């Protein structure tokens, strides 16, 4: 089996392409998917560099990757909602050592859904973690409503690009931060106001916002509190909730750990099929260049998602 495997913790060279990885065995509650495409997330380079060892220690060589789209070729014990031949998308466990940067991967049935109609495997693979993250934050946690205002940090990134589209679908006014070269891109996605974080200070330009969705962390998170109105809400994917700042500004906050579930994937699929969410794919790499794909994502200059095509 062809696969991109992590051979040690380290830099780009730690990821090696192989043509003789063993096809993984299925466990109860899983399906085996023939992977057509997989997308790269920030967690992939963090795993590569050993930054996530406190969450799980890998046994090398470990096949990398989480997000995927493909076709079910085998169904494990106890799985009734999915069948062989069904086209699906979702996220496998990136810490399992049997990730999605491979021809075949096992994935829990609880973490997949039918592939959205009207998009190809490349586009579908770009959706799971990023689109679900946006949905979980904006719909479930922030409970955004028509007429509200939201600031989205990192609007040109994978999560941010979906968050802008979803926020506009919900009827909100959207401000976002982005690099100068990405201002046009985020406006095309629907942003009402785009702030160049390299030359402008968003905290001096915005006020009385109902919500902030932070995908950047650091100073961007801390400086977001004055932007919020009393009773506003902030969700961050890049750090813990700062209780002191919440009390100081009279707002509530959450640190989000995204859960890619069948139910959330189904909601995202509905939004895609309605035209409310449009996958934004920056670059497509072949599986043999998975190491380059992960390095490209780490550099942080991509617009939307980076996808690995696992089949010819």
C-alpha atoms as a PDB file:
ATOM      1  CA  UNK A   1       0.000   0.000   0.000  1.00  0.00           C
ATOM      2  CA  UNK A   2       1.234   3.483  -0.857  1.00  0.00           C
ATOM      3  CA  UNK A   3       1.434   5.804   2.142  1.00  0.00           C
ATOM      4  CA  UNK A   4       3.211   8.841   3.568  1.00  0.00           C
ATOM      5  CA  UNK A   5       4.656   7.847   6.923  1.00  0.00           C
ATOM      6  CA  UNK A   6       6.328   9.637   9.774  1.00  0.00           C
ATOM      7  CA  UNK A   7       9.591   7.823  10.528  1.00  0.00           C
ATOM      8  CA  UNK A   8      10.621   9.999  13.478  1.00  0.00           C
ATOM      9  CA  UNK A   9       9.747  13.331  15.016  1.00  0.00           C
ATOM     10  CA  UNK A  10      11.445  16.119  13.115  1.00  0.00           C
ATOM     11  CA  UNK A  11      11.427  18.317  10.032  1.00  0.00           C
ATOM     12  CA  UNK A  12      10.208  17.780   6.478  1.00  0.00           C
ATOM     13  CA  UNK A  13      12.538  14.796   5.913  1.00  0.00           C
ATOM     14  CA  UNK A  14      10.861  12.898   8.756  1.00  0.00           C
ATOM     15  CA  UNK A  15       7.964  12.129   6.384  1.00  0.00           C
ATOM     16  CA  UNK A  16       8.772   9.400   3.879  1.00  0.00           C
ATOM     17  CA  UNK A  17       6.719   8.015   0.995  1.00  0.00           C
ATOM     18  CA  UNK A  18       6.513   4.221   0.826  1.00  0.00           C
ATOM     19  CA  UNK A  19       4.953   1.749  -1.590  1.00  0.00           C
ATOM     20  CA  UNK A  20       4.851  -1.244   0.768  1.00  0.00           C
ATOM     21  CA  UNK A  21       2.970  -0.136   3.869  1.00  0.00           C
ATOM     22  CA  UNK A  22       0.676  -2.887   5.199  1.00  0.00           C
ATOM     23  CA  UNK A  23      -3.052  -2.438   4.641  1.00  0.00           C
ATOM     24  CA  UNK A  24      -4.505  -1.831   8.125  1.00  0.00           C
ATOM     25  CA  UNK A  25      -6.888  -4.243   9.812  1.00  0.00           C
ATOM     26  CA  UNK A  26     -10.404  -3.183  10.759  1.00  0.00           C
ATOM     27  CA  UNK A  27     -11.691  -2.955  14.323  1.00  0.00           C
ATOM     28  CA  UNK A  28     -15.329  -3.142  15.392  1.00  0.00           C
ATOM     29  CA  UNK A  29     -17.181   0.050  14.592  1.00  0.00           C
ATOM     30  CA  UNK A  30     -14.858   0.998  11.735  1.00  0.00           C
ATOM     31  CA  UNK A  31     -15.004   0.970   7.947  1.00  0.00           C
ATOM     32  CA  UNK A  32     -12.085   0.660   5.544  1.00  0.00           C
ATOM     33  CA  UNK A  33     -11.996   3.524   3.055  1.00  0.00           C
ATOM     34  CA  UNK A  34     -10.186   3.628  -0.268  1.00  0.00           C
ATOM     35  CA  UNK A  35      -8.886   7.174   0.064  1.00  0.00           C
ATOM     36  CA  UNK A  36      -9.261   9.368  -3.010  1.00  0.00           C
ATOM     37  CA  UNK A  37      -8.057  12.576  -1.365  1.00  0.00           C
ATOM     38  CA  UNK A  38      -6.870  13.792   2.018  1.00  0.00           C
ATOM     39  CA  UNK A  39      -6.352  17.319   3.271  1.00  0.00           C
ATOM     40  CA  UNK A  40      -3.605  18.760   5.447  1.00  0.00           C
ATOM     41  CA  UNK A  41      -4.247  20.581   8.719  1.00  0.00           C
ATOM     42  CA  UNK A  42      -1.982  22.467  11.092  1.00  0.00           C
ATOM     43  CA  UNK A  43      -2.096  19.547  13.505  1.00  0.00           C
ATOM     44  CA  UNK A  44      -0.226  17.431  10.926  1.00  0.00           C
ATOM     45  CA  UNK A  45       2.987  19.457  11.098  1.00  0.00           C
ATOM     46  CA  UNK A  46       2.613  19.743  14.867  1.00  0.00           C
ATOM     47  CA  UNK A  47       2.439  15.949  15.111  1.00  0.00           C
ATOM     48  CA  UNK A  48       5.435  15.694  12.767  1.00  0.00           C
ATOM     49  CA  UNK A  49       7.530  17.900  15.015  1.00  0.00           C
ATOM     50  CA  UNK A  50       6.559  16.034  18.190  1.00  0.00           C
ATOM     51  CA  UNK A  51       4.519  18.893  19.624  1.00  0.00           C
ATOM     52  CA  UNK A  52       1.531  16.638  20.351  1.00  0.00           C
ATOM     53  CA  UNK A  53       3.336  13.869  22.231  1.00  0.00           C
ATOM     54  CA  UNK A  54       1.445  14.687  25.420  1.00  0.00           C
ATOM     55  CA  UNK A  55      -1.762  13.659  23.626  1.00  0.00           C
ATOM     56  CA  UNK A  56      -0.436  10.463  22.060  1.00  0.00           C
ATOM     57  CA  UNK A  57       2.895   8.766  21.449  1.00  0.00           C
ATOM     58  CA  UNK A  58       3.282   7.370  17.953  1.00  0.00           C
ATOM     59  CA  UNK A  59       4.911   4.079  17.025  1.00  0.00           C
ATOM     60  CA  UNK A  60       7.081   4.578  13.944  1.00  0.00           C
ATOM     61  CA  UNK A  61       6.582   4.309  11.069  1.00  0.00           C
ATOM     62  CA  UNK A  62       3.175   5.960  11.441  1.00  0.00           C
ATOM     63  CA  UNK A  63       0.929   6.848   8.511  1.00  0.00           C
ATOM     64  CA  UNK A  64      -0.056  10.491   8.817  1.00  0.00           C
ATOM     65  CA  UNK A  65      -3.249  12.410   8.105  1.00  0.00           C
ATOM     66  CA  UNK A  66      -6.797  12.921   9.353  1.00  0.00           C
ATOM     67  CA  UNK A  67      -9.214  14.446   6.837  1.00  0.00           C
ATOM     68  CA  UNK A  68     -10.277  12.331   3.870  1.00  0.00           C
ATOM     69  CA  UNK A  69     -12.800  11.556   1.177  1.00  0.00           C
ATOM     70  CA  UNK A  70     -13.175   8.210  -0.530  1.00  0.00           C
ATOM     71  CA  UNK A  71     -15.167   5.022  -0.987  1.00  0.00           C
ATOM     72  CA  UNK A  72     -15.936   2.324   1.578  1.00  0.00           C
ATOM     73  CA  UNK A  73     -14.436  -1.029   0.587  1.00  0.00           C
ATOM     74  CA  UNK A  74     -15.074  -2.990   3.793  1.00  0.00           C
ATOM     75  CA  UNK A  75     -17.403  -2.661   6.770  1.00  0.00           C
ATOM     76  CA  UNK A  76     -16.404  -3.706  10.260  1.00  0.00           C
ATOM     77  CA  UNK A  77     -18.416  -5.487  12.920  1.00  0.00           C
ATOM     78  CA  UNK A  78     -21.303  -3.476  14.325  1.00  0.00           C
ATOM     79  CA  UNK A  79     -21.489  -0.922  11.508  1.00  0.00           C
ATOM     80  CA  UNK A  80     -25.003  -0.668  10.079  1.00  0.00           C
ATOM     81  CA  UNK A  81     -25.331   2.911   8.799  1.00  0.00           C
ATOM     82  CA  UNK A  82     -22.755   2.568   5.989  1.00  0.00           C
ATOM     83  CA  UNK A  83     -22.225   0.111   3.153  1.00  0.00           C
ATOM     84  CA  UNK A  84     -19.515  -1.025   0.751  1.00  0.00           C
ATOM     85  CA  UNK A  85     -19.366   1.261  -2.285  1.00  0.00           C
ATOM     86  CA  UNK A  86     -20.652   4.315  -0.431  1.00  0.00           C
ATOM     87  CA  UNK A  87     -18.800   7.581  -1.027  1.00  0.00           C
ATOM     88  CA  UNK A  88     -17.968   9.244   2.287  1.00  0.00           C
ATOM     89  CA  UNK A  89     -15.929  11.990   3.878  1.00  0.00           C
ATOM     90  CA  UNK A  90     -14.725  12.516   7.414  1.00  0.00           C
ATOM     91  CA  UNK A  91     -11.753  12.387   9.722  1.00  0.00           C
ATOM     92  CA  UNK A  92      -9.752   9.430  10.950  1.00  0.00           C
ATOM     93  CA  UNK A  93      -7.627   9.591  14.104  1.00  0.00           C
ATOM     94  CA  UNK A  94      -4.364  11.366  13.172  1.00  0.00           C
ATOM     95  CA  UNK A  95      -2.691   9.808  16.220  1.00  0.00           C
ATOM     96  CA  UNK A  96      -3.596   6.215  15.319  1.00  0.00           C
ATOM     97  CA  UNK A  97      -0.638   5.599  13.010  1.00  0.00           C
ATOM     98  CA  UNK A  98      -3.153   4.599  10.308  1.00  0.00           C
ATOM     99  CA  UNK A  99      -3.969   8.026   8.916  1.00  0.00           C
ATOM    100  CA  UNK A 100      -5.448   9.284   5.668  1.00  0.00           C
ATOM    101  CA  UNK A 101      -2.223   9.936   3.735  1.00  0.00           C
ATOM    102  CA  UNK A 102      -2.535   6.448   2.260  1.00  0.00           C
ATOM    103  CA  UNK A 103      -4.414   4.362  -0.294  1.00  0.00           C
ATOM    104  CA  UNK A 104      -6.565   2.791   2.419  1.00  0.00           C
ATOM    105  CA  UNK A 105      -7.390   3.842   5.967  1.00  0.00           C
ATOM    106  CA  UNK A 106      -9.637   2.559   8.759  1.00  0.00           C
ATOM    107  CA  UNK A 107     -12.024   5.135  10.197  1.00  0.00           C
ATOM    108  CA  UNK A 108     -14.690   5.017  12.889  1.00  0.00           C
ATOM    109  CA  UNK A 109     -18.212   5.069  11.489  1.00  0.00           C
ATOM    110  CA  UNK A 110     -18.973   7.808  14.037  1.00  0.00           C
ATOM    111  CA  UNK A 111     -16.561  10.137  12.220  1.00  0.00           C
ATOM    112  CA  UNK A 112     -17.843   9.916   8.626  1.00  0.00           C
ATOM    113  CA  UNK A 113     -20.888  10.888   6.591  1.00  0.00           C
ATOM    114  CA  UNK A 114     -21.994  10.600   2.987  1.00  0.00           C
ATOM    115  CA  UNK A 115     -19.939  12.806   0.680  1.00  0.00           C
ATOM    116  CA  UNK A 116     -21.826  15.999  -0.204  1.00  0.00           C
ATOM    117  CA  UNK A 117     -23.454  15.901  -3.613  1.00  0.00           C
ATOM    118  CA  UNK A 118     -22.127  18.272  -6.235  1.00  0.00           C
ATOM    119  CA  UNK A 119     -18.485  18.285  -5.081  1.00  0.00           C
ATOM    120  CA  UNK A 120     -15.627  16.007  -6.058  1.00  0.00           C
ATOM    121  CA  UNK A 121     -13.358  14.042  -3.719  1.00  0.00           C
ATOM    122  CA  UNK A 122     -10.753  16.817  -3.680  1.00  0.00           C
ATOM    123  CA  UNK A 123     -13.289  19.383  -2.515  1.00  0.00           C
ATOM    124  CA  UNK A 124     -14.911  16.990  -0.055  1.00  0.00           C
ATOM    125  CA  UNK A 125     -11.567  16.163   1.545  1.00  0.00           C
ATOM    126  CA  UNK A 126     -11.031  19.861   2.279  1.00  0.00           C
ATOM    127  CA  UNK A 127     -14.117  20.014   4.475  1.00  0.00           C
ATOM    128  CA  UNK A 128     -14.051  17.814   7.589  1.00  0.00           C
ATOM    129  CA  UNK A 129     -11.947  19.499  10.284  1.00  0.00           C
ATOM    130  CA  UNK A 130     -12.137  23.053   8.993  1.00  0.00           C
ATOM    131  CA  UNK A 131     -15.803  23.266   8.013  1.00  0.00           C
ATOM    132  CA  UNK A 132     -16.908  21.354  11.106  1.00  0.00           C
ATOM    133  CA  UNK A 133     -14.785  23.673  13.258  1.00  0.00           C
ATOM    134  CA  UNK A 134     -16.568  26.686  11.798  1.00  0.00           C
ATOM    135  CA  UNK A 135     -19.976  25.058  12.234  1.00  0.00           C
ATOM    136  CA  UNK A 136     -19.308  24.003  15.818  1.00  0.00           C
ATOM    137  CA  UNK A 137     -18.075  27.470  16.792  1.00  0.00           C
ATOM    138  CA  UNK A 138     -20.554  29.695  14.984  1.00  0.00           C
ATOM    139  CA  UNK A 139     -23.757  27.662  15.159  1.00  0.00           C
ATOM    140  CA  UNK A 140     -23.435  25.595  18.323  1.00  0.00           C
ATOM    141  CA  UNK A 141     -21.268  27.721  20.630  1.00  0.00           C
ATOM    142  CA  UNK A 142     -21.677  31.336  19.515  1.00  0.00           C
ATOM    143  CA  UNK A 143     -25.276  30.768  18.353  1.00  0.00           C
ATOM    144  CA  UNK A 144     -24.917  33.503  15.747  1.00  0.00           C
ATOM    145  CA  UNK A 145     -28.137  35.153  14.628  1.00  0.00           C
ATOM    146  CA  UNK A 146     -29.224  37.365  11.774  1.00  0.00           C
ATOM    147  CA  UNK A 147     -28.138  40.973  12.267  1.00  0.00           C
ATOM    148  CA  UNK A 148     -25.256  40.303  14.647  1.00  0.00           C
ATOM    149  CA  UNK A 149     -21.602  41.240  14.056  1.00  0.00           C
ATOM    150  CA  UNK A 150     -18.639  38.851  14.231  1.00  0.00           C
ATOM    151  CA  UNK A 151     -14.875  39.272  13.945  1.00  0.00           C
ATOM    152  CA  UNK A 152     -13.105  36.257  12.438  1.00  0.00           C
ATOM    153  CA  UNK A 153      -9.333  36.066  12.822  1.00  0.00           C
ATOM    154  CA  UNK A 154      -7.385  34.370  10.036  1.00  0.00           C
ATOM    155  CA  UNK A 155     -10.074  34.645   7.385  1.00  0.00           C
ATOM    156  CA  UNK A 156      -7.896  33.334   4.542  1.00  0.00           C
ATOM    157  CA  UNK A 157      -7.003  30.089   6.321  1.00  0.00           C
ATOM    158  CA  UNK A 158      -8.763  26.756   6.145  1.00  0.00           C
ATOM    159  CA  UNK A 159     -11.096  27.320   9.093  1.00  0.00           C
ATOM    160  CA  UNK A 160     -11.482  31.051   8.550  1.00  0.00           C
ATOM    161  CA  UNK A 161     -12.498  30.689   4.907  1.00  0.00           C
ATOM    162  CA  UNK A 162     -15.427  28.475   5.892  1.00  0.00           C
ATOM    163  CA  UNK A 163     -16.288  30.629   8.916  1.00  0.00           C
ATOM    164  CA  UNK A 164     -16.704  33.728   6.727  1.00  0.00           C
ATOM    165  CA  UNK A 165     -19.063  31.921   4.370  1.00  0.00           C
ATOM    166  CA  UNK A 166     -21.075  30.383   7.188  1.00  0.00           C
ATOM    167  CA  UNK A 167     -21.357  33.673   9.084  1.00  0.00           C
ATOM    168  CA  UNK A 168     -22.720  35.393   5.967  1.00  0.00           C
ATOM    169  CA  UNK A 169     -25.178  32.544   5.464  1.00  0.00           C
ATOM    170  CA  UNK A 170     -26.403  33.156   9.024  1.00  0.00           C
ATOM    171  CA  UNK A 171     -27.036  36.804   8.195  1.00  0.00           C
ATOM    172  CA  UNK A 172     -24.247  38.447  10.180  1.00  0.00           C
ATOM    173  CA  UNK A 173     -21.914  41.346   9.454  1.00  0.00           C
ATOM    174  CA  UNK A 174     -18.409  39.908   9.085  1.00  0.00           C
ATOM    175  CA  UNK A 175     -15.086  41.591   9.775  1.00  0.00           C
ATOM    176  CA  UNK A 176     -11.935  39.532   9.335  1.00  0.00           C
ATOM    177  CA  UNK A 177      -8.184  39.879   9.665  1.00  0.00           C
ATOM    178  CA  UNK A 178      -5.909  38.775   6.846  1.00  0.00           C
ATOM    179  CA  UNK A 179      -2.560  39.551   5.229  1.00  0.00           C
ATOM    180  CA  UNK A 180      -2.510  42.319   2.622  1.00  0.00           C
ATOM    181  CA  UNK A 181      -2.295  39.861  -0.276  1.00  0.00           C
ATOM    182  CA  UNK A 182      -5.366  37.995   0.995  1.00  0.00           C
ATOM    183  CA  UNK A 183      -7.724  40.969   1.354  1.00  0.00           C
ATOM    184  CA  UNK A 184      -9.310  40.372  -2.046  1.00  0.00           C
ATOM    185  CA  UNK A 185      -9.725  36.661  -1.332  1.00  0.00           C
ATOM    186  CA  UNK A 186     -11.600  37.121   1.962  1.00  0.00           C
ATOM    187  CA  UNK A 187     -13.858  39.745   0.403  1.00  0.00           C
ATOM    188  CA  UNK A 188     -14.701  37.285  -2.364  1.00  0.00           C
ATOM    189  CA  UNK A 189     -15.715  34.835   0.357  1.00  0.00           C
ATOM    190  CA  UNK A 190     -18.162  37.440   1.653  1.00  0.00           C
ATOM    191  CA  UNK A 191     -16.344  39.450   4.325  1.00  0.00           C
ATOM    192  CA  UNK A 192     -17.900  42.902   4.771  1.00  0.00           C
ATOM    193  CA  UNK A 193     -14.734  44.358   6.246  1.00  0.00           C
ATOM    194  CA  UNK A 194     -11.189  43.050   5.774  1.00  0.00           C
ATOM    195  CA  UNK A 195      -8.386  44.313   8.008  1.00  0.00           C
ATOM    196  CA  UNK A 196      -4.737  43.981   7.040  1.00  0.00           C
ATOM    197  CA  UNK A 197      -3.183  42.770  10.279  1.00  0.00           C
ATOM    198  CA  UNK A 198       0.297  43.735   9.078  1.00  0.00           C
ATOM    199  CA  UNK A 199      -0.524  47.461   8.895  1.00  0.00           C
ATOM    200  CA  UNK A 200      -3.814  47.995  10.751  1.00  0.00           C
ATOM    201  CA  UNK A 201      -4.931  47.492  14.342  1.00  0.00           C
ATOM    202  CA  UNK A 202      -8.294  45.789  14.379  1.00  0.00           C
ATOM    203  CA  UNK A 203      -8.820  46.680  18.039  1.00  0.00           C
ATOM    204  CA  UNK A 204      -8.781  50.371  17.094  1.00  0.00           C
ATOM    205  CA  UNK A 205     -11.164  49.947  14.163  1.00  0.00           C
ATOM    206  CA  UNK A 206     -13.902  47.722  15.570  1.00  0.00           C
ATOM    207  CA  UNK A 207     -16.268  47.987  18.531  1.00  0.00           C
ATOM    208  CA  UNK A 208     -19.513  46.594  19.927  1.00  0.00           C
ATOM    209  CA  UNK A 209     -19.217  43.200  18.242  1.00  0.00           C
ATOM    210  CA  UNK A 210     -21.395  40.314  19.341  1.00  0.00           C
ATOM    211  CA  UNK A 211     -18.812  37.592  18.734  1.00  0.00           C
ATOM    212  CA  UNK A 212     -15.199  36.794  17.922  1.00  0.00           C
ATOM    213  CA  UNK A 213     -13.956  33.551  16.375  1.00  0.00           C
ATOM    214  CA  UNK A 214     -10.197  33.280  16.847  1.00  0.00           C
ATOM    215  CA  UNK A 215      -8.117  30.850  14.782  1.00  0.00           C
ATOM    216  CA  UNK A 216      -4.817  32.685  15.375  1.00  0.00           C
ATOM    217  CA  UNK A 217      -4.239  33.023  19.127  1.00  0.00           C
ATOM    218  CA  UNK A 218      -1.585  35.069  20.908  1.00  0.00           C
ATOM    219  CA  UNK A 219      -1.995  38.834  20.829  1.00  0.00           C
ATOM    220  CA  UNK A 220      -4.913  38.605  18.404  1.00  0.00           C
ATOM    221  CA  UNK A 221      -6.894  36.733  21.058  1.00  0.00           C
ATOM    222  CA  UNK A 222      -6.004  39.082  23.917  1.00  0.00           C
ATOM    223  CA  UNK A 223      -6.709  42.231  21.892  1.00  0.00           C
ATOM    224  CA  UNK A 224     -10.116  40.926  20.790  1.00  0.00           C
ATOM    225  CA  UNK A 225     -11.814  41.492  24.132  1.00  0.00           C
ATOM    226  CA  UNK A 226     -12.198  45.291  23.805  1.00  0.00           C
ATOM    227  CA  UNK A 227     -13.899  44.721  20.443  1.00  0.00           C
ATOM    228  CA  UNK A 228     -16.771  42.857  22.103  1.00  0.00           C
ATOM    229  CA  UNK A 229     -19.852  44.411  23.623  1.00  0.00           C
ATOM    230  CA  UNK A 230     -20.882  43.510  27.163  1.00  0.00           C
ATOM    231  CA  UNK A 231     -22.296  40.004  27.096  1.00  0.00           C
ATOM    232  CA  UNK A 232     -20.435  39.168  23.894  1.00  0.00           C
ATOM    233  CA  UNK A 233     -18.788  35.810  23.255  1.00  0.00           C
ATOM    234  CA  UNK A 234     -15.384  34.678  22.044  1.00  0.00           C
ATOM    235  CA  UNK A 235     -14.330  31.224  20.867  1.00  0.00           C
ATOM    236  CA  UNK A 236     -10.670  30.387  20.273  1.00  0.00           C
ATOM    237  CA  UNK A 237      -9.149  27.408  18.504  1.00  0.00           C
ATOM    238  CA  UNK A 238      -5.631  28.592  19.318  1.00  0.00           C
ATOM    239  CA  UNK A 239      -5.463  28.825  23.096  1.00  0.00           C
ATOM    240  CA  UNK A 240      -7.187  28.499  26.418  1.00  0.00           C
ATOM    241  CA  UNK A 241     -10.041  30.698  27.613  1.00  0.00           C
ATOM    242  CA  UNK A 242      -8.682  33.709  29.563  1.00  0.00           C
ATOM    243  CA  UNK A 243     -10.954  33.975  32.584  1.00  0.00           C
ATOM    244  CA  UNK A 244      -9.404  37.235  33.804  1.00  0.00           C
ATOM    245  CA  UNK A 245     -10.083  39.024  30.514  1.00  0.00           C
ATOM    246  CA  UNK A 246     -13.613  37.618  30.396  1.00  0.00           C
ATOM    247  CA  UNK A 247     -14.368  39.075  33.809  1.00  0.00           C
ATOM    248  CA  UNK A 248     -12.700  42.394  32.975  1.00  0.00           C
ATOM    249  CA  UNK A 249     -14.777  42.940  29.821  1.00  0.00           C
ATOM    250  CA  UNK A 250     -17.965  41.161  30.864  1.00  0.00           C
ATOM    251  CA  UNK A 251     -17.909  38.552  28.120  1.00  0.00           C
ATOM    252  CA  UNK A 252     -17.949  34.775  27.949  1.00  0.00           C
ATOM    253  CA  UNK A 253     -15.433  32.587  26.155  1.00  0.00           C
ATOM    254  CA  UNK A 254     -14.583  29.054  25.149  1.00  0.00           C
ATOM    255  CA  UNK A 255     -11.509  27.172  23.985  1.00  0.00           C
ATOM    256  CA  UNK A 256     -12.685  24.858  21.226  1.00  0.00           C
ATOM    257  CA  UNK A 257     -11.557  21.329  20.557  1.00  0.00           C
ATOM    258  CA  UNK A 258     -13.368  20.312  17.398  1.00  0.00           C
ATOM    259  CA  UNK A 259     -15.288  17.051  17.304  1.00  0.00           C
ATOM    260  CA  UNK A 260     -15.785  15.716  13.766  1.00  0.00           C
ATOM    261  CA  UNK A 261     -18.959  13.650  14.135  1.00  0.00           C
ATOM    262  CA  UNK A 262     -21.412  12.153  11.663  1.00  0.00           C
ATOM    263  CA  UNK A 263     -24.102  14.621  12.749  1.00  0.00           C
ATOM    264  CA  UNK A 264     -21.897  17.681  12.203  1.00  0.00           C
ATOM    265  CA  UNK A 265     -20.588  16.333   8.896  1.00  0.00           C
ATOM    266  CA  UNK A 266     -24.187  15.873   7.746  1.00  0.00           C
ATOM    267  CA  UNK A 267     -24.954  19.500   8.649  1.00  0.00           C
ATOM    268  CA  UNK A 268     -21.894  20.673   6.707  1.00  0.00           C
ATOM    269  CA  UNK A 269     -22.904  18.525   3.724  1.00  0.00           C
ATOM    270  CA  UNK A 270     -26.342  20.152   3.709  1.00  0.00           C
ATOM    271  CA  UNK A 271     -24.752  23.619   3.693  1.00  0.00           C
ATOM    272  CA  UNK A 272     -22.467  22.626   0.810  1.00  0.00           C
ATOM    273  CA  UNK A 273     -25.373  21.210  -1.192  1.00  0.00           C
ATOM    274  CA  UNK A 274     -27.363  24.411  -0.571  1.00  0.00           C
ATOM    275  CA  UNK A 275     -24.466  26.475  -1.891  1.00  0.00           C
ATOM    276  CA  UNK A 276     -23.890  28.191   1.453  1.00  0.00           C
ATOM    277  CA  UNK A 277     -20.382  26.728   1.783  1.00  0.00           C
ATOM    278  CA  UNK A 278     -17.976  26.515  -1.122  1.00  0.00           C
ATOM    279  CA  UNK A 279     -14.734  24.567  -0.635  1.00  0.00           C
ATOM    280  CA  UNK A 280     -11.677  26.740  -1.246  1.00  0.00           C
ATOM    281  CA  UNK A 281      -8.732  24.578  -2.346  1.00  0.00           C
ATOM    282  CA  UNK A 282      -5.343  26.300  -2.579  1.00  0.00           C
ATOM    283  CA  UNK A 283      -3.012  23.576  -3.879  1.00  0.00           C
ATOM    284  CA  UNK A 284      -3.198  19.866  -4.706  1.00  0.00           C
ATOM    285  CA  UNK A 285      -0.164  17.641  -4.062  1.00  0.00           C
ATOM    286  CA  UNK A 286       0.327  13.997  -5.114  1.00  0.00           C
ATOM    287  CA  UNK A 287       0.763  11.491  -2.296  1.00  0.00           C
ATOM    288  CA  UNK A 288       4.482  11.190  -3.056  1.00  0.00           C
ATOM    289  CA  UNK A 289       4.824  14.868  -2.103  1.00  0.00           C
ATOM    290  CA  UNK A 290       2.984  14.674   1.221  1.00  0.00           C
ATOM    291  CA  UNK A 291       6.072  15.950   3.021  1.00  0.00           C
ATOM    292  CA  UNK A 292       6.057  19.059   0.826  1.00  0.00           C
ATOM    293  CA  UNK A 293       2.315  19.515   1.430  1.00  0.00           C
ATOM    294  CA  UNK A 294       2.741  19.480   5.198  1.00  0.00           C
ATOM    295  CA  UNK A 295       5.655  21.915   4.972  1.00  0.00           C
ATOM    296  CA  UNK A 296       3.596  24.217   2.760  1.00  0.00           C
ATOM    297  CA  UNK A 297       0.813  24.323   5.340  1.00  0.00           C
ATOM    298  CA  UNK A 298       3.308  25.063   8.097  1.00  0.00           C
ATOM    299  CA  UNK A 299       4.589  28.079   6.113  1.00  0.00           C
ATOM    300  CA  UNK A 300       1.093  29.532   6.447  1.00  0.00           C
ATOM    301  CA  UNK A 301       0.749  31.223   3.062  1.00  0.00           C
ATOM    302  CA  UNK A 302      -2.079  29.100   1.693  1.00  0.00           C
ATOM    303  CA  UNK A 303      -5.586  30.357   0.955  1.00  0.00           C
ATOM    304  CA  UNK A 304      -8.165  27.808   1.970  1.00  0.00           C
ATOM    305  CA  UNK A 305      -7.121  24.168   2.090  1.00  0.00           C
ATOM    306  CA  UNK A 306      -4.184  22.108   0.864  1.00  0.00           C
ATOM    307  CA  UNK A 307      -5.182  18.680  -0.444  1.00  0.00           C
ATOM    308  CA  UNK A 308      -3.259  15.484  -1.166  1.00  0.00           C
ATOM    309  CA  UNK A 309      -4.549  13.377  -4.060  1.00  0.00           C
ATOM    310  CA  UNK A 310      -3.898   9.801  -3.047  1.00  0.00           C
ATOM    311  CA  UNK A 311      -4.839   8.105  -6.323  1.00  0.00           C
ATOM    312  CA  UNK A 312      -3.563   8.539  -9.876  1.00  0.00           C
END
